[in-house]
Amino acid sequence: MDYMRECEAREWITRYRKKTRETSKGEAMDWWAKTLLDIAKKRGQASADQLRDNMNRLKNVNRQF
């Protein structure tokens, strides 16, 4: 994975986790869905899908250790 895309995915994971600490998990999920839609509007659906996939991959890699 490209270094910048990995950094972006880590940053969004951090922001999502912070949001879950500040609010409820449901509100954080709603916030993330809206944010992902905004990203898709600005950069295209393929880019938003790739970001989500990168985030899931990093999250799963971290669970293995």
N, C-alpha and C. Protein backbone atom coordinates (compact mmCIF):
# COMPACT_ATOMS: atom_id res chain seq x y z
N MET A 1 0.84 -1.17 0.00
CA MET A 1 0.00 0.00 0.00
C MET A 1 0.89 1.23 0.00
N ASP A 2 0.47 2.23 -0.69
CA ASP A 2 1.19 3.48 -0.77
C ASP A 2 1.29 4.10 0.62
N TYR A 3 2.45 4.65 0.93
CA TYR A 3 2.72 5.19 2.26
C TYR A 3 1.71 6.28 2.66
N MET A 4 1.42 7.20 1.75
CA MET A 4 0.50 8.30 2.07
C MET A 4 -0.91 7.79 2.34
N ARG A 5 -1.33 6.80 1.58
CA ARG A 5 -2.67 6.24 1.79
C ARG A 5 -2.74 5.49 3.12
N GLU A 6 -1.65 4.84 3.50
CA GLU A 6 -1.60 4.16 4.78
C GLU A 6 -1.66 5.18 5.92
N CYS A 7 -0.94 6.28 5.78
CA CYS A 7 -0.97 7.34 6.79
C CYS A 7 -2.38 7.92 6.91
N GLU A 8 -3.03 8.14 5.78
CA GLU A 8 -4.38 8.68 5.81
C GLU A 8 -5.34 7.70 6.51
N ALA A 9 -5.20 6.43 6.21
CA ALA A 9 -6.06 5.43 6.84
C ALA A 9 -5.84 5.40 8.35
N ARG A 10 -4.59 5.47 8.77
CA ARG A 10 -4.29 5.50 10.22
C ARG A 10 -4.89 6.74 10.87
N GLU A 11 -4.80 7.88 10.18
CA GLU A 11 -5.35 9.13 10.70
C GLU A 11 -6.87 9.02 10.88
N TRP A 12 -7.57 8.46 9.92
CA TRP A 12 -9.02 8.32 10.03
C TRP A 12 -9.41 7.31 11.10
N ILE A 13 -8.60 6.27 11.28
CA ILE A 13 -8.85 5.32 12.37
C ILE A 13 -8.74 6.04 13.71
N THR A 14 -7.72 6.86 13.85
CA THR A 14 -7.52 7.62 15.08
C THR A 14 -8.68 8.57 15.32
N ARG A 15 -9.12 9.27 14.28
CA ARG A 15 -10.24 10.19 14.43
C ARG A 15 -11.52 9.46 14.81
N TYR A 16 -11.76 8.30 14.21
CA TYR A 16 -12.96 7.53 14.52
C TYR A 16 -12.92 7.05 15.97
N ARG A 17 -11.79 6.55 16.41
CA ARG A 17 -11.67 6.09 17.80
C ARG A 17 -11.87 7.23 18.79
N LYS A 18 -11.33 8.41 18.46
CA LYS A 18 -11.53 9.58 19.31
C LYS A 18 -13.01 9.95 19.38
N LYS A 19 -13.68 9.87 18.24
CA LYS A 19 -15.10 10.20 18.19
C LYS A 19 -15.91 9.23 19.04
N THR A 20 -15.54 7.94 19.02
CA THR A 20 -16.27 6.97 19.85
C THR A 20 -16.06 7.23 21.33
N ARG A 21 -14.89 7.74 21.70
CA ARG A 21 -14.65 8.08 23.11
C ARG A 21 -15.45 9.32 23.53
N GLU A 22 -15.59 10.27 22.61
CA GLU A 22 -16.28 11.52 22.93
C GLU A 22 -17.79 11.38 22.88
N THR A 23 -18.28 10.54 22.00
CA THR A 23 -19.72 10.35 21.83
C THR A 23 -20.02 8.86 21.92
N SER A 24 -21.22 8.49 21.58
CA SER A 24 -21.55 7.06 21.57
C SER A 24 -21.03 6.43 20.27
N LYS A 25 -20.99 5.11 20.27
CA LYS A 25 -20.53 4.41 19.07
C LYS A 25 -21.48 4.64 17.90
N GLY A 26 -22.77 4.71 18.18
CA GLY A 26 -23.76 4.96 17.13
C GLY A 26 -23.56 6.32 16.47
N GLU A 27 -23.32 7.33 17.29
CA GLU A 27 -23.09 8.67 16.74
C GLU A 27 -21.79 8.70 15.94
N ALA A 28 -20.79 7.99 16.41
CA ALA A 28 -19.52 7.93 15.68
C ALA A 28 -19.71 7.24 14.34
N MET A 29 -20.52 6.20 14.30
CA MET A 29 -20.77 5.50 13.04
C MET A 29 -21.52 6.40 12.06
N ASP A 30 -22.49 7.17 12.57
CA ASP A 30 -23.21 8.12 11.72
C ASP A 30 -22.27 9.18 11.18
N TRP A 31 -21.40 9.71 12.05
CA TRP A 31 -20.40 10.70 11.64
C TRP A 31 -19.51 10.13 10.54
N TRP A 32 -19.05 8.88 10.73
CA TRP A 32 -18.15 8.28 9.75
C TRP A 32 -18.86 8.06 8.41
N ALA A 33 -20.11 7.64 8.45
CA ALA A 33 -20.87 7.43 7.20
C ALA A 33 -20.99 8.74 6.43
N LYS A 34 -21.28 9.83 7.13
CA LYS A 34 -21.38 11.15 6.48
C LYS A 34 -20.02 11.59 5.94
N THR A 35 -18.98 11.35 6.72
CA THR A 35 -17.62 11.73 6.28
C THR A 35 -17.22 10.95 5.05
N LEU A 36 -17.53 9.66 5.04
CA LEU A 36 -17.19 8.83 3.89
C LEU A 36 -17.95 9.27 2.64
N LEU A 37 -19.21 9.68 2.81
CA LEU A 37 -19.97 10.21 1.67
C LEU A 37 -19.35 11.50 1.14
N ASP A 38 -18.90 12.36 2.05
CA ASP A 38 -18.24 13.60 1.63
C ASP A 38 -16.95 13.31 0.86
N ILE A 39 -16.20 12.32 1.33
CA ILE A 39 -14.97 11.93 0.63
C ILE A 39 -15.31 11.40 -0.76
N ALA A 40 -16.35 10.60 -0.84
CA ALA A 40 -16.77 10.05 -2.14
C ALA A 40 -17.19 11.16 -3.10
N LYS A 41 -17.86 12.19 -2.60
CA LYS A 41 -18.28 13.30 -3.45
C LYS A 41 -17.08 14.08 -3.98
N LYS A 42 -16.07 14.26 -3.12
CA LYS A 42 -14.92 15.07 -3.51
C LYS A 42 -13.91 14.30 -4.35
N ARG A 43 -13.68 13.03 -4.01
CA ARG A 43 -12.60 12.27 -4.66
C ARG A 43 -13.08 11.09 -5.48
N GLY A 44 -14.36 10.79 -5.40
CA GLY A 44 -14.90 9.66 -6.14
C GLY A 44 -15.13 8.45 -5.23
N GLN A 45 -16.09 7.63 -5.62
CA GLN A 45 -16.47 6.47 -4.82
C GLN A 45 -15.32 5.47 -4.71
N ALA A 46 -14.55 5.30 -5.77
CA ALA A 46 -13.44 4.34 -5.74
C ALA A 46 -12.41 4.73 -4.67
N SER A 47 -12.15 6.01 -4.55
CA SER A 47 -11.20 6.48 -3.54
C SER A 47 -11.75 6.26 -2.13
N ALA A 48 -13.03 6.52 -1.92
CA ALA A 48 -13.64 6.30 -0.62
C ALA A 48 -13.63 4.81 -0.27
N ASP A 49 -13.92 3.97 -1.25
CA ASP A 49 -13.88 2.52 -1.01
C ASP A 49 -12.48 2.05 -0.67
N GLN A 50 -11.49 2.60 -1.36
CA GLN A 50 -10.11 2.22 -1.09
C GLN A 50 -9.69 2.65 0.31
N LEU A 51 -10.09 3.84 0.72
CA LEU A 51 -9.78 4.31 2.07
C LEU A 51 -10.40 3.38 3.11
N ARG A 52 -11.67 3.04 2.94
CA ARG A 52 -12.34 2.14 3.87
C ARG A 52 -11.66 0.77 3.91
N ASP A 53 -11.29 0.26 2.74
CA ASP A 53 -10.59 -1.03 2.68
C ASP A 53 -9.23 -0.97 3.37
N ASN A 54 -8.51 0.12 3.16
CA ASN A 54 -7.20 0.30 3.81
C ASN A 54 -7.36 0.37 5.33
N MET A 55 -8.39 1.07 5.79
CA MET A 55 -8.64 1.15 7.22
C MET A 55 -8.96 -0.22 7.80
N ASN A 56 -9.79 -0.98 7.11
CA ASN A 56 -10.13 -2.32 7.59
C ASN A 56 -8.91 -3.23 7.59
N ARG A 57 -8.08 -3.11 6.58
CA ARG A 57 -6.88 -3.94 6.52
C ARG A 57 -5.94 -3.61 7.68
N LEU A 58 -5.73 -2.33 7.93
CA LEU A 58 -4.86 -1.93 9.04
C LEU A 58 -5.45 -2.36 10.38
N LYS A 59 -6.77 -2.23 10.52
CA LYS A 59 -7.41 -2.64 11.76
C LYS A 59 -7.24 -4.14 11.99
N ASN A 60 -7.37 -4.93 10.94
CA ASN A 60 -7.21 -6.38 11.06
C ASN A 60 -5.77 -6.78 11.30
N VAL A 61 -4.82 -6.07 10.71
CA VAL A 61 -3.41 -6.36 10.94
C VAL A 61 -3.05 -6.12 12.39
N ASN A 62 -3.57 -5.04 12.97
CA ASN A 62 -3.28 -4.71 14.36
C ASN A 62 -3.90 -5.72 15.32
N ARG A 63 -4.98 -6.35 14.94
CA ARG A 63 -5.61 -7.36 15.81
C ARG A 63 -4.78 -8.64 15.89
N GLN A 64 -3.98 -8.90 14.88
CA GLN A 64 -3.21 -10.14 14.85
C GLN A 64 -2.07 -10.12 15.86
N PHE A 65 -1.64 -8.94 16.28
CA PHE A 65 -0.49 -8.84 17.17
C PHE A 65 -0.89 -8.64 18.61
